[in-house]
Amino acid sequence: MILTVTNLANAQVTGTLSLDGIGDGLMLSEWTRLSDNSTTNQITLSPGSSMQYSLRLTSLVATNEDATLRARATYQIEDSTSSDMSEDISISIIGPELPPNGVQLPFDVALSQSDSLNAMFGGWGLSLLILAVLYLRRGKKESLLATEEASVVEEDEEIEEEPVALGYNECRLEGDKVSCPSCDARLGVPRGSEPPFRFTCPKCSTLIRVVE
C-alpha cells in the first residue's frame, strides 16, 4: 500500500514511521521511500511538503488471521516530540492451502485418516489371503517365493527418491536462477548466495525462500 505523509507545521520535522494496532506482531513491515526508492522509515519534511512511502507486509504465520493496523508517524519539532495516527487498516492473512486429512472419493464419499489407514491395511490383508489360497491350491511354494522375490526386487528398482515437497513461497535453485512461486518469473539470485536463503522478487515483490 502507498501512504502519504504531509508536514502541516510551520517548521521542519524529522521522525519515523511505524505500525500499531491489533495483530501487528503477525507480520513483518518494510517501508520504502518512493522519492529515492530507499528502504527506510525515516521522515524529514520541510514546512508544507509531502512524501510518499510504500508499505509492504509479509506474514509471519501460516494460518488464516485478521489484523487491524494503523500507521503512526512519530516526529520532532525543535524540542517537542509528538505523533499522529492514520485511520484503521484492515488486513486479512490467508494461509497456504493444506492437504486433506484423509481421502475424498467420488459421489461425495470422504474417509477420515484412520478409516483410510484401515482400508489400506485391509486391502493388503485380503491380497495376502488370496496369495495364500493360490499357494495351497497350486502347491508351488518355491516357485511362488521366487516370483515374490523377483517382484520385490523389481519394485525396489522402480522406486525413485522423490524430492521433498516445497513449502509456502519456496523454490529450488536451478543453476544460478530460480522461478518465482508467485509470478513464475525466472530470476537470477544474489551472487554468492547458497540455499537456504531469502530474497524479494523484483517483479511481484514476493518474499521468496530458496531451498536446496
N, C-alpha and C. Protein backbone atom coordinates (compact mmCIF):
# COMPACT_ATOMS: atom_id res chain seq x y z
N MET A 1 0.85 -1.18 0.00
CA MET A 1 0.00 0.00 0.00
C MET A 1 0.89 1.24 0.00
N ILE A 2 0.33 2.36 -0.46
CA ILE A 2 1.06 3.63 -0.56
C ILE A 2 0.50 4.59 0.49
N LEU A 3 1.39 5.21 1.30
CA LEU A 3 0.99 6.19 2.31
C LEU A 3 1.67 7.52 2.02
N THR A 4 0.93 8.60 2.20
CA THR A 4 1.47 9.95 2.01
C THR A 4 1.57 10.65 3.36
N VAL A 5 2.76 11.18 3.67
CA VAL A 5 3.00 11.91 4.92
C VAL A 5 3.18 13.38 4.57
N THR A 6 2.40 14.25 5.20
CA THR A 6 2.44 15.69 4.91
C THR A 6 2.77 16.47 6.18
N ASN A 7 3.68 17.42 6.08
CA ASN A 7 4.06 18.29 7.20
C ASN A 7 3.17 19.53 7.17
N LEU A 8 2.25 19.62 8.12
CA LEU A 8 1.33 20.76 8.20
C LEU A 8 1.84 21.84 9.16
N ALA A 9 3.02 21.63 9.72
CA ALA A 9 3.56 22.62 10.66
C ALA A 9 4.33 23.69 9.90
N ASN A 10 4.69 24.73 10.60
CA ASN A 10 5.46 25.83 10.01
C ASN A 10 6.95 25.69 10.28
N ALA A 11 7.39 24.47 10.57
CA ALA A 11 8.81 24.21 10.84
C ALA A 11 9.16 22.85 10.28
N GLN A 12 10.44 22.62 10.07
CA GLN A 12 10.89 21.32 9.58
C GLN A 12 10.69 20.25 10.66
N VAL A 13 10.28 19.05 10.22
CA VAL A 13 10.06 17.95 11.15
C VAL A 13 10.92 16.77 10.73
N THR A 14 11.35 16.00 11.72
CA THR A 14 12.05 14.73 11.49
C THR A 14 11.41 13.67 12.36
N GLY A 15 11.43 12.43 11.91
CA GLY A 15 10.81 11.36 12.70
C GLY A 15 10.86 10.03 12.00
N THR A 16 9.98 9.12 12.44
CA THR A 16 9.95 7.76 11.91
C THR A 16 8.50 7.31 11.71
N LEU A 17 8.33 6.29 10.88
CA LEU A 17 7.04 5.65 10.65
C LEU A 17 7.05 4.26 11.29
N SER A 18 5.90 3.85 11.82
CA SER A 18 5.78 2.53 12.43
C SER A 18 4.33 2.07 12.32
N LEU A 19 4.07 0.82 12.76
CA LEU A 19 2.72 0.25 12.74
C LEU A 19 2.29 -0.07 14.17
N ASP A 20 1.04 0.26 14.50
CA ASP A 20 0.43 -0.10 15.77
C ASP A 20 -0.92 -0.75 15.47
N GLY A 21 -1.44 -1.44 16.49
CA GLY A 21 -2.77 -1.97 16.34
C GLY A 21 -2.87 -3.42 16.76
N ILE A 22 -4.01 -4.02 16.44
CA ILE A 22 -4.28 -5.41 16.81
C ILE A 22 -3.69 -6.33 15.73
N GLY A 23 -2.77 -7.21 16.14
CA GLY A 23 -2.18 -8.15 15.20
C GLY A 23 -0.93 -7.64 14.52
N ASP A 24 -0.31 -6.57 15.05
CA ASP A 24 0.89 -6.05 14.40
C ASP A 24 2.07 -7.01 14.50
N GLY A 25 2.02 -7.97 15.45
CA GLY A 25 3.09 -8.95 15.56
C GLY A 25 2.96 -10.12 14.60
N LEU A 26 1.88 -10.16 13.81
CA LEU A 26 1.67 -11.27 12.88
C LEU A 26 2.41 -11.09 11.58
N MET A 27 2.98 -9.91 11.34
CA MET A 27 3.59 -9.65 10.04
C MET A 27 4.80 -8.75 10.18
N LEU A 28 5.64 -8.82 9.18
CA LEU A 28 6.85 -8.00 9.10
C LEU A 28 6.58 -6.84 8.16
N SER A 29 6.90 -5.61 8.60
CA SER A 29 6.65 -4.43 7.77
C SER A 29 7.95 -3.92 7.16
N GLU A 30 7.84 -3.41 5.93
CA GLU A 30 9.00 -2.84 5.24
C GLU A 30 8.57 -1.55 4.56
N TRP A 31 9.22 -0.44 4.94
CA TRP A 31 8.88 0.88 4.40
C TRP A 31 9.88 1.24 3.31
N THR A 32 9.37 1.78 2.19
CA THR A 32 10.23 2.23 1.09
C THR A 32 9.86 3.66 0.73
N ARG A 33 10.83 4.58 0.79
CA ARG A 33 10.60 5.98 0.41
C ARG A 33 10.63 6.07 -1.11
N LEU A 34 9.51 6.47 -1.71
CA LEU A 34 9.37 6.42 -3.16
C LEU A 34 10.19 7.47 -3.88
N SER A 35 10.56 8.55 -3.21
CA SER A 35 11.31 9.61 -3.88
C SER A 35 12.68 9.14 -4.35
N ASP A 36 13.32 8.25 -3.56
CA ASP A 36 14.63 7.72 -3.95
C ASP A 36 14.68 6.20 -3.88
N ASN A 37 13.51 5.55 -3.67
CA ASN A 37 13.40 4.09 -3.63
C ASN A 37 14.30 3.50 -2.54
N SER A 38 14.44 4.21 -1.43
CA SER A 38 15.26 3.73 -0.32
C SER A 38 14.39 2.98 0.69
N THR A 39 14.93 1.88 1.21
CA THR A 39 14.23 1.12 2.25
C THR A 39 14.49 1.78 3.59
N THR A 40 13.56 2.61 4.04
CA THR A 40 13.72 3.37 5.28
C THR A 40 12.37 3.83 5.79
N ASN A 41 12.26 4.02 7.09
CA ASN A 41 11.05 4.59 7.70
C ASN A 41 11.31 5.97 8.28
N GLN A 42 12.41 6.59 7.87
CA GLN A 42 12.77 7.90 8.39
C GLN A 42 12.00 9.02 7.66
N ILE A 43 11.64 10.07 8.41
CA ILE A 43 10.90 11.22 7.87
C ILE A 43 11.73 12.48 8.05
N THR A 44 11.86 13.26 6.98
CA THR A 44 12.44 14.60 7.05
C THR A 44 11.66 15.47 6.08
N LEU A 45 10.86 16.39 6.63
CA LEU A 45 9.96 17.19 5.80
C LEU A 45 10.08 18.67 6.16
N SER A 46 10.17 19.49 5.13
CA SER A 46 10.14 20.93 5.32
C SER A 46 8.69 21.39 5.47
N PRO A 47 8.42 22.61 5.92
CA PRO A 47 7.05 23.08 6.13
C PRO A 47 6.20 22.94 4.86
N GLY A 48 5.03 22.30 4.98
CA GLY A 48 4.08 22.17 3.88
C GLY A 48 4.41 21.11 2.86
N SER A 49 5.53 20.40 2.99
CA SER A 49 5.92 19.40 2.00
C SER A 49 5.32 18.04 2.34
N SER A 50 5.30 17.15 1.33
CA SER A 50 4.76 15.79 1.48
C SER A 50 5.76 14.79 0.93
N MET A 51 5.61 13.55 1.39
CA MET A 51 6.46 12.47 0.90
C MET A 51 5.66 11.17 0.93
N GLN A 52 5.84 10.35 -0.10
CA GLN A 52 5.11 9.09 -0.19
C GLN A 52 6.01 7.91 0.17
N TYR A 53 5.38 6.94 0.84
CA TYR A 53 6.08 5.72 1.25
C TYR A 53 5.26 4.51 0.81
N SER A 54 5.98 3.47 0.41
CA SER A 54 5.34 2.19 0.11
C SER A 54 5.51 1.27 1.32
N LEU A 55 4.42 0.67 1.77
CA LEU A 55 4.45 -0.24 2.91
C LEU A 55 4.13 -1.66 2.42
N ARG A 56 5.09 -2.57 2.64
CA ARG A 56 4.86 -3.98 2.27
C ARG A 56 4.83 -4.81 3.55
N LEU A 57 3.79 -5.67 3.66
CA LEU A 57 3.60 -6.51 4.84
C LEU A 57 3.84 -7.97 4.46
N THR A 58 4.66 -8.66 5.24
CA THR A 58 4.96 -10.07 5.00
C THR A 58 4.48 -10.88 6.20
N SER A 59 3.62 -11.87 5.94
CA SER A 59 3.05 -12.68 7.02
C SER A 59 4.14 -13.51 7.70
N LEU A 60 4.05 -13.59 9.03
CA LEU A 60 4.96 -14.42 9.81
C LEU A 60 4.29 -15.69 10.30
N VAL A 61 3.04 -15.92 9.89
CA VAL A 61 2.28 -17.10 10.32
C VAL A 61 1.79 -17.86 9.10
N ALA A 62 1.43 -19.12 9.32
CA ALA A 62 0.94 -19.98 8.23
C ALA A 62 -0.52 -20.35 8.43
N THR A 63 -1.28 -19.46 9.08
CA THR A 63 -2.70 -19.70 9.32
C THR A 63 -3.50 -18.48 8.89
N ASN A 64 -4.80 -18.64 8.77
CA ASN A 64 -5.67 -17.52 8.43
C ASN A 64 -5.83 -16.62 9.66
N GLU A 65 -5.48 -15.35 9.51
CA GLU A 65 -5.55 -14.40 10.61
C GLU A 65 -6.08 -13.06 10.10
N ASP A 66 -6.61 -12.25 11.04
CA ASP A 66 -7.07 -10.89 10.73
C ASP A 66 -6.35 -9.91 11.65
N ALA A 67 -6.06 -8.73 11.11
CA ALA A 67 -5.39 -7.69 11.90
C ALA A 67 -6.00 -6.33 11.55
N THR A 68 -5.98 -5.43 12.53
CA THR A 68 -6.42 -4.05 12.34
C THR A 68 -5.25 -3.15 12.73
N LEU A 69 -4.64 -2.50 11.75
CA LEU A 69 -3.42 -1.75 11.97
C LEU A 69 -3.63 -0.26 11.68
N ARG A 70 -2.73 0.55 12.21
CA ARG A 70 -2.70 1.99 11.93
C ARG A 70 -1.25 2.42 11.77
N ALA A 71 -1.01 3.27 10.79
CA ALA A 71 0.33 3.82 10.60
C ALA A 71 0.54 4.98 11.56
N ARG A 72 1.67 4.96 12.27
CA ARG A 72 1.99 6.01 13.24
C ARG A 72 3.21 6.80 12.75
N ALA A 73 3.08 8.11 12.72
CA ALA A 73 4.21 8.99 12.40
C ALA A 73 4.64 9.69 13.69
N THR A 74 5.83 9.32 14.18
CA THR A 74 6.38 9.96 15.38
C THR A 74 7.42 10.98 14.93
N TYR A 75 7.23 12.26 15.31
CA TYR A 75 8.07 13.31 14.75
C TYR A 75 8.50 14.30 15.84
N GLN A 76 9.55 15.03 15.52
CA GLN A 76 10.08 16.01 16.45
C GLN A 76 10.15 17.38 15.78
N ILE A 77 9.63 18.40 16.48
CA ILE A 77 9.72 19.79 16.04
C ILE A 77 10.49 20.55 17.11
N GLU A 78 11.70 20.95 16.78
CA GLU A 78 12.60 21.57 17.75
C GLU A 78 12.76 20.64 18.94
N ASP A 79 12.33 21.04 20.16
CA ASP A 79 12.50 20.20 21.35
C ASP A 79 11.24 19.41 21.71
N SER A 80 10.23 19.48 20.85
CA SER A 80 8.95 18.83 21.15
C SER A 80 8.78 17.59 20.29
N THR A 81 8.33 16.49 20.91
CA THR A 81 8.08 15.22 20.21
C THR A 81 6.59 14.91 20.26
N SER A 82 6.03 14.51 19.13
CA SER A 82 4.61 14.18 19.06
C SER A 82 4.40 13.06 18.04
N SER A 83 3.16 12.63 17.87
CA SER A 83 2.86 11.58 16.89
C SER A 83 1.44 11.71 16.39
N ASP A 84 1.21 11.23 15.17
CA ASP A 84 -0.13 11.21 14.57
C ASP A 84 -0.38 9.80 14.04
N MET A 85 -1.68 9.42 14.01
CA MET A 85 -2.07 8.08 13.56
C MET A 85 -2.95 8.18 12.33
N SER A 86 -2.84 7.17 11.46
CA SER A 86 -3.72 7.08 10.30
C SER A 86 -5.04 6.44 10.70
N GLU A 87 -5.96 6.32 9.76
CA GLU A 87 -7.19 5.58 10.01
C GLU A 87 -6.87 4.07 10.07
N ASP A 88 -7.83 3.27 10.58
CA ASP A 88 -7.63 1.83 10.69
C ASP A 88 -7.44 1.20 9.31
N ILE A 89 -6.51 0.24 9.25
CA ILE A 89 -6.25 -0.52 8.03
C ILE A 89 -6.55 -1.98 8.34
N SER A 90 -7.56 -2.57 7.69
CA SER A 90 -7.93 -3.96 7.93
C SER A 90 -7.10 -4.88 7.04
N ILE A 91 -6.47 -5.88 7.65
CA ILE A 91 -5.60 -6.82 6.95
C ILE A 91 -6.12 -8.23 7.19
N SER A 92 -6.22 -9.03 6.12
CA SER A 92 -6.58 -10.45 6.22
C SER A 92 -5.43 -11.29 5.70
N ILE A 93 -4.94 -12.20 6.53
CA ILE A 93 -3.86 -13.12 6.15
C ILE A 93 -4.49 -14.44 5.75
N ILE A 94 -4.22 -14.87 4.53
CA ILE A 94 -4.75 -16.14 4.03
C ILE A 94 -3.60 -17.14 4.01
N GLY A 95 -3.68 -18.15 4.85
CA GLY A 95 -2.62 -19.15 4.93
C GLY A 95 -2.63 -20.08 3.74
N PRO A 96 -1.56 -20.86 3.54
CA PRO A 96 -1.49 -21.79 2.41
C PRO A 96 -2.53 -22.90 2.54
N GLU A 97 -3.01 -23.38 1.42
CA GLU A 97 -3.99 -24.47 1.42
C GLU A 97 -3.31 -25.75 1.86
N LEU A 98 -3.87 -26.38 2.92
CA LEU A 98 -3.28 -27.59 3.48
C LEU A 98 -3.84 -28.82 2.80
N PRO A 99 -3.06 -29.92 2.74
CA PRO A 99 -3.56 -31.16 2.14
C PRO A 99 -4.70 -31.74 2.97
N PRO A 100 -5.65 -32.44 2.34
CA PRO A 100 -6.78 -33.01 3.08
C PRO A 100 -6.32 -34.06 4.07
N ASN A 101 -7.00 -34.12 5.21
CA ASN A 101 -6.70 -35.11 6.24
C ASN A 101 -7.58 -36.33 6.01
N GLY A 102 -7.20 -37.16 5.05
CA GLY A 102 -8.00 -38.32 4.69
C GLY A 102 -8.07 -38.47 3.19
N VAL A 103 -9.12 -39.15 2.70
CA VAL A 103 -9.28 -39.43 1.28
C VAL A 103 -10.67 -39.01 0.85
N GLN A 104 -10.76 -38.27 -0.27
CA GLN A 104 -12.04 -37.86 -0.86
C GLN A 104 -12.33 -38.77 -2.04
N LEU A 105 -13.44 -39.53 -1.97
CA LEU A 105 -13.83 -40.45 -3.03
C LEU A 105 -14.96 -39.86 -3.86
N PRO A 106 -15.23 -40.45 -5.04
CA PRO A 106 -16.35 -39.96 -5.86
C PRO A 106 -17.68 -40.06 -5.12
N PHE A 107 -18.69 -39.37 -5.65
CA PHE A 107 -20.04 -39.36 -5.09
C PHE A 107 -20.06 -38.78 -3.67
N ASP A 108 -19.17 -37.79 -3.41
CA ASP A 108 -19.15 -37.09 -2.12
C ASP A 108 -18.90 -38.03 -0.94
N VAL A 109 -18.13 -39.10 -1.17
CA VAL A 109 -17.77 -40.02 -0.09
C VAL A 109 -16.38 -39.65 0.42
N ALA A 110 -16.28 -39.38 1.73
CA ALA A 110 -14.99 -38.98 2.33
C ALA A 110 -14.63 -39.96 3.43
N LEU A 111 -13.35 -40.33 3.50
CA LEU A 111 -12.83 -41.20 4.55
C LEU A 111 -11.87 -40.41 5.42
N SER A 112 -11.97 -40.58 6.73
CA SER A 112 -11.03 -39.94 7.64
C SER A 112 -9.67 -40.60 7.51
N GLN A 113 -8.68 -40.03 8.19
CA GLN A 113 -7.33 -40.58 8.11
C GLN A 113 -7.29 -42.00 8.68
N SER A 114 -7.95 -42.23 9.81
CA SER A 114 -7.95 -43.56 10.41
C SER A 114 -8.67 -44.57 9.52
N ASP A 115 -9.82 -44.16 8.93
CA ASP A 115 -10.54 -45.07 8.03
C ASP A 115 -9.71 -45.39 6.80
N SER A 116 -8.98 -44.41 6.28
CA SER A 116 -8.14 -44.64 5.11
C SER A 116 -7.05 -45.66 5.42
N LEU A 117 -6.43 -45.53 6.61
CA LEU A 117 -5.38 -46.50 7.00
C LEU A 117 -5.97 -47.89 7.18
N ASN A 118 -7.16 -47.98 7.81
CA ASN A 118 -7.80 -49.28 7.99
C ASN A 118 -8.12 -49.94 6.65
N ALA A 119 -8.61 -49.12 5.69
CA ALA A 119 -8.92 -49.66 4.37
C ALA A 119 -7.66 -50.13 3.65
N MET A 120 -6.56 -49.38 3.82
CA MET A 120 -5.32 -49.78 3.17
C MET A 120 -4.79 -51.09 3.73
N PHE A 121 -4.77 -51.20 5.09
CA PHE A 121 -4.29 -52.44 5.70
C PHE A 121 -5.23 -53.61 5.39
N GLY A 122 -6.55 -53.32 5.30
CA GLY A 122 -7.49 -54.37 4.94
C GLY A 122 -7.24 -54.88 3.53
N GLY A 123 -6.92 -53.97 2.60
CA GLY A 123 -6.60 -54.39 1.24
C GLY A 123 -5.36 -55.26 1.17
N TRP A 124 -4.35 -54.86 1.95
CA TRP A 124 -3.14 -55.69 2.00
C TRP A 124 -3.44 -57.07 2.59
N GLY A 125 -4.27 -57.11 3.64
CA GLY A 125 -4.61 -58.40 4.25
C GLY A 125 -5.35 -59.31 3.28
N LEU A 126 -6.30 -58.72 2.50
CA LEU A 126 -7.02 -59.51 1.51
C LEU A 126 -6.09 -60.03 0.43
N SER A 127 -5.13 -59.20 0.02
CA SER A 127 -4.18 -59.63 -1.01
C SER A 127 -3.33 -60.80 -0.51
N LEU A 128 -2.88 -60.73 0.74
CA LEU A 128 -2.08 -61.82 1.29
C LEU A 128 -2.90 -63.10 1.41
N LEU A 129 -4.19 -62.98 1.75
CA LEU A 129 -5.05 -64.16 1.86
C LEU A 129 -5.21 -64.84 0.51
N ILE A 130 -5.39 -64.04 -0.55
CA ILE A 130 -5.53 -64.61 -1.89
C ILE A 130 -4.25 -65.33 -2.31
N LEU A 131 -3.10 -64.75 -2.00
CA LEU A 131 -1.83 -65.39 -2.33
C LEU A 131 -1.67 -66.72 -1.59
N ALA A 132 -2.12 -66.74 -0.31
CA ALA A 132 -2.03 -67.98 0.46
C ALA A 132 -2.90 -69.08 -0.14
N VAL A 133 -4.11 -68.72 -0.58
CA VAL A 133 -5.00 -69.71 -1.20
C VAL A 133 -4.40 -70.26 -2.49
N LEU A 134 -3.85 -69.37 -3.30
CA LEU A 134 -3.21 -69.82 -4.54
C LEU A 134 -2.03 -70.74 -4.25
N TYR A 135 -1.29 -70.43 -3.20
CA TYR A 135 -0.14 -71.25 -2.83
C TYR A 135 -0.59 -72.66 -2.44
N LEU A 136 -1.66 -72.77 -1.63
CA LEU A 136 -2.14 -74.08 -1.21
C LEU A 136 -2.71 -74.88 -2.37
N ARG A 137 -3.39 -74.23 -3.29
CA ARG A 137 -4.01 -74.93 -4.41
C ARG A 137 -2.98 -75.39 -5.42
N ARG A 138 -2.00 -74.64 -5.67
CA ARG A 138 -1.04 -74.99 -6.71
C ARG A 138 0.12 -75.83 -6.17
N GLY A 139 0.39 -75.67 -4.86
CA GLY A 139 1.47 -76.48 -4.29
C GLY A 139 2.84 -76.14 -4.85
N LYS A 140 3.04 -74.90 -5.24
CA LYS A 140 4.32 -74.50 -5.82
C LYS A 140 4.95 -73.42 -4.92
N LYS A 141 5.33 -73.85 -3.75
CA LYS A 141 5.86 -72.90 -2.78
C LYS A 141 7.15 -72.24 -3.27
N GLU A 142 8.06 -73.03 -3.76
CA GLU A 142 9.34 -72.47 -4.18
C GLU A 142 9.17 -71.53 -5.37
N SER A 143 8.30 -71.92 -6.31
CA SER A 143 8.08 -71.07 -7.47
C SER A 143 7.44 -69.75 -7.06
N LEU A 144 6.49 -69.86 -6.12
CA LEU A 144 5.80 -68.65 -5.68
C LEU A 144 6.74 -67.71 -4.94
N LEU A 145 7.60 -68.28 -4.06
CA LEU A 145 8.55 -67.44 -3.33
C LEU A 145 9.53 -66.77 -4.27
N ALA A 146 9.98 -67.50 -5.30
CA ALA A 146 10.90 -66.91 -6.26
C ALA A 146 10.24 -65.77 -7.03
N THR A 147 8.94 -65.97 -7.37
CA THR A 147 8.21 -64.93 -8.08
C THR A 147 8.05 -63.69 -7.22
N GLU A 148 7.72 -63.90 -5.91
CA GLU A 148 7.56 -62.76 -4.99
C GLU A 148 8.87 -62.01 -4.82
N GLU A 149 10.00 -62.76 -4.70
CA GLU A 149 11.29 -62.10 -4.54
C GLU A 149 11.65 -61.28 -5.77
N ALA A 150 11.37 -61.84 -6.95
CA ALA A 150 11.64 -61.09 -8.18
C ALA A 150 10.77 -59.85 -8.26
N SER A 151 9.51 -59.97 -7.80
CA SER A 151 8.61 -58.82 -7.83
C SER A 151 9.08 -57.73 -6.89
N VAL A 152 9.56 -58.15 -5.68
CA VAL A 152 10.06 -57.17 -4.71
C VAL A 152 11.28 -56.44 -5.25
N VAL A 153 12.21 -57.21 -5.90
CA VAL A 153 13.41 -56.60 -6.47
C VAL A 153 13.04 -55.62 -7.56
N GLU A 154 12.06 -55.99 -8.41
CA GLU A 154 11.65 -55.11 -9.50
C GLU A 154 11.02 -53.83 -8.96
N GLU A 155 10.20 -53.96 -7.87
CA GLU A 155 9.58 -52.77 -7.29
C GLU A 155 10.62 -51.86 -6.67
N ASP A 156 11.64 -52.46 -6.01
CA ASP A 156 12.70 -51.65 -5.41
C ASP A 156 13.47 -50.88 -6.45
N GLU A 157 13.68 -51.49 -7.65
CA GLU A 157 14.41 -50.82 -8.71
C GLU A 157 13.61 -49.66 -9.30
N GLU A 158 12.26 -49.80 -9.27
CA GLU A 158 11.42 -48.77 -9.87
C GLU A 158 11.18 -47.58 -8.95
N ILE A 159 11.44 -47.78 -7.62
CA ILE A 159 11.20 -46.69 -6.67
C ILE A 159 12.28 -45.64 -6.82
N GLU A 160 11.89 -44.47 -7.02
CA GLU A 160 12.81 -43.34 -7.12
C GLU A 160 12.60 -42.41 -5.94
N GLU A 161 13.66 -41.86 -5.49
CA GLU A 161 13.58 -40.92 -4.38
C GLU A 161 12.90 -39.64 -4.83
N GLU A 162 11.82 -39.33 -4.17
CA GLU A 162 11.06 -38.13 -4.52
C GLU A 162 11.61 -36.93 -3.75
N PRO A 163 11.69 -35.79 -4.40
CA PRO A 163 12.19 -34.60 -3.71
C PRO A 163 11.21 -34.16 -2.62
N VAL A 164 11.75 -33.53 -1.60
CA VAL A 164 10.92 -33.01 -0.52
C VAL A 164 9.99 -31.93 -1.07
N ALA A 165 8.71 -32.00 -0.68
CA ALA A 165 7.73 -31.04 -1.18
C ALA A 165 8.11 -29.62 -0.75
N LEU A 166 7.85 -28.67 -1.64
CA LEU A 166 8.16 -27.27 -1.36
C LEU A 166 7.12 -26.68 -0.42
N GLY A 167 7.53 -25.77 0.47
CA GLY A 167 6.62 -25.09 1.37
C GLY A 167 6.07 -23.81 0.73
N TYR A 168 5.41 -23.02 1.57
CA TYR A 168 4.78 -21.78 1.10
C TYR A 168 5.86 -20.78 0.65
N ASN A 169 5.74 -20.30 -0.63
CA ASN A 169 6.67 -19.32 -1.22
C ASN A 169 8.12 -19.84 -1.23
N GLU A 170 8.30 -21.19 -1.41
CA GLU A 170 9.63 -21.76 -1.54
C GLU A 170 9.89 -22.19 -2.98
N CYS A 171 11.16 -22.15 -3.38
CA CYS A 171 11.55 -22.62 -4.71
C CYS A 171 12.95 -23.19 -4.60
N ARG A 172 13.36 -23.94 -5.64
CA ARG A 172 14.68 -24.55 -5.65
C ARG A 172 15.61 -23.82 -6.62
N LEU A 173 16.88 -23.84 -6.27
CA LEU A 173 17.89 -23.21 -7.10
C LEU A 173 18.18 -24.10 -8.30
N GLU A 174 18.08 -23.52 -9.51
CA GLU A 174 18.33 -24.23 -10.76
C GLU A 174 19.50 -23.54 -11.46
N GLY A 175 20.71 -24.09 -11.22
CA GLY A 175 21.89 -23.41 -11.73
C GLY A 175 22.12 -22.17 -10.89
N ASP A 176 22.04 -21.00 -11.50
CA ASP A 176 22.14 -19.75 -10.76
C ASP A 176 20.85 -18.94 -10.87
N LYS A 177 19.72 -19.63 -11.15
CA LYS A 177 18.43 -18.96 -11.28
C LYS A 177 17.36 -19.72 -10.51
N VAL A 178 16.25 -19.03 -10.24
CA VAL A 178 15.09 -19.62 -9.60
C VAL A 178 13.84 -19.14 -10.33
N SER A 179 12.74 -19.86 -10.13
CA SER A 179 11.44 -19.45 -10.66
C SER A 179 10.59 -18.97 -9.50
N CYS A 180 10.09 -17.73 -9.58
CA CYS A 180 9.26 -17.17 -8.51
C CYS A 180 7.98 -17.99 -8.37
N PRO A 181 7.64 -18.51 -7.15
CA PRO A 181 6.42 -19.31 -6.99
C PRO A 181 5.14 -18.53 -7.15
N SER A 182 5.22 -17.18 -7.14
CA SER A 182 4.01 -16.37 -7.27
C SER A 182 3.74 -15.95 -8.70
N CYS A 183 4.79 -15.49 -9.43
CA CYS A 183 4.57 -14.97 -10.79
C CYS A 183 5.33 -15.76 -11.85
N ASP A 184 6.07 -16.85 -11.46
CA ASP A 184 6.80 -17.71 -12.39
C ASP A 184 7.91 -16.99 -13.14
N ALA A 185 8.32 -15.82 -12.68
CA ALA A 185 9.42 -15.11 -13.34
C ALA A 185 10.74 -15.84 -13.07
N ARG A 186 11.61 -15.93 -14.10
CA ARG A 186 12.93 -16.51 -13.95
C ARG A 186 13.88 -15.43 -13.43
N LEU A 187 14.47 -15.68 -12.29
CA LEU A 187 15.24 -14.66 -11.61
C LEU A 187 16.65 -15.15 -11.32
N GLY A 188 17.60 -14.26 -11.46
CA GLY A 188 18.95 -14.54 -11.02
C GLY A 188 19.07 -14.24 -9.53
N VAL A 189 19.81 -15.07 -8.79
CA VAL A 189 19.94 -14.88 -7.35
C VAL A 189 21.18 -14.05 -7.05
N PRO A 190 21.21 -13.41 -5.87
CA PRO A 190 22.40 -12.63 -5.49
C PRO A 190 23.66 -13.48 -5.54
N ARG A 191 24.72 -12.91 -6.07
CA ARG A 191 25.98 -13.64 -6.23
C ARG A 191 26.48 -14.13 -4.88
N GLY A 192 26.92 -15.40 -4.85
CA GLY A 192 27.48 -15.99 -3.64
C GLY A 192 26.43 -16.55 -2.70
N SER A 193 25.13 -16.46 -3.05
CA SER A 193 24.08 -16.97 -2.17
C SER A 193 24.02 -18.49 -2.26
N GLU A 194 23.90 -19.14 -1.10
CA GLU A 194 23.78 -20.58 -1.03
C GLU A 194 22.52 -20.94 -0.24
N PRO A 195 21.70 -21.88 -0.75
CA PRO A 195 20.47 -22.28 -0.06
C PRO A 195 20.79 -22.83 1.34
N PRO A 196 19.88 -22.60 2.32
CA PRO A 196 18.66 -21.81 2.15
C PRO A 196 18.90 -20.32 2.39
N PHE A 197 18.21 -19.46 1.63
CA PHE A 197 18.28 -18.02 1.85
C PHE A 197 17.01 -17.39 1.31
N ARG A 198 16.76 -16.14 1.64
CA ARG A 198 15.56 -15.42 1.22
C ARG A 198 15.95 -14.19 0.40
N PHE A 199 15.12 -13.86 -0.56
CA PHE A 199 15.26 -12.58 -1.24
C PHE A 199 13.92 -12.22 -1.87
N THR A 200 13.77 -10.96 -2.27
CA THR A 200 12.48 -10.44 -2.75
C THR A 200 12.46 -10.45 -4.27
N CYS A 201 11.35 -11.00 -4.84
CA CYS A 201 11.16 -11.00 -6.30
C CYS A 201 10.99 -9.55 -6.77
N PRO A 202 11.84 -9.07 -7.66
CA PRO A 202 11.72 -7.69 -8.13
C PRO A 202 10.49 -7.45 -9.00
N LYS A 203 9.86 -8.52 -9.47
CA LYS A 203 8.71 -8.35 -10.37
C LYS A 203 7.41 -8.23 -9.61
N CYS A 204 7.19 -9.13 -8.60
CA CYS A 204 5.91 -9.11 -7.86
C CYS A 204 6.09 -8.79 -6.38
N SER A 205 7.34 -8.51 -5.94
CA SER A 205 7.65 -8.11 -4.55
C SER A 205 7.32 -9.21 -3.54
N THR A 206 7.28 -10.48 -3.97
CA THR A 206 7.04 -11.58 -3.05
C THR A 206 8.36 -11.98 -2.38
N LEU A 207 8.31 -12.23 -1.06
CA LEU A 207 9.49 -12.69 -0.33
C LEU A 207 9.66 -14.18 -0.58
N ILE A 208 10.73 -14.57 -1.27
CA ILE A 208 10.95 -15.95 -1.70
C ILE A 208 11.98 -16.61 -0.78
N ARG A 209 11.77 -17.87 -0.46
CA ARG A 209 12.76 -18.66 0.28
C ARG A 209 13.32 -19.73 -0.67
N VAL A 210 14.62 -19.68 -0.91
CA VAL A 210 15.28 -20.60 -1.82
C VAL A 210 15.87 -21.75 -1.00
N VAL A 211 15.51 -23.01 -1.36
CA VAL A 211 15.99 -24.19 -0.65
C VAL A 211 16.78 -25.07 -1.60
N GLU A 212 17.45 -26.08 -1.02
CA GLU A 212 18.24 -26.99 -1.85
C GLU A 212 17.33 -27.93 -2.64
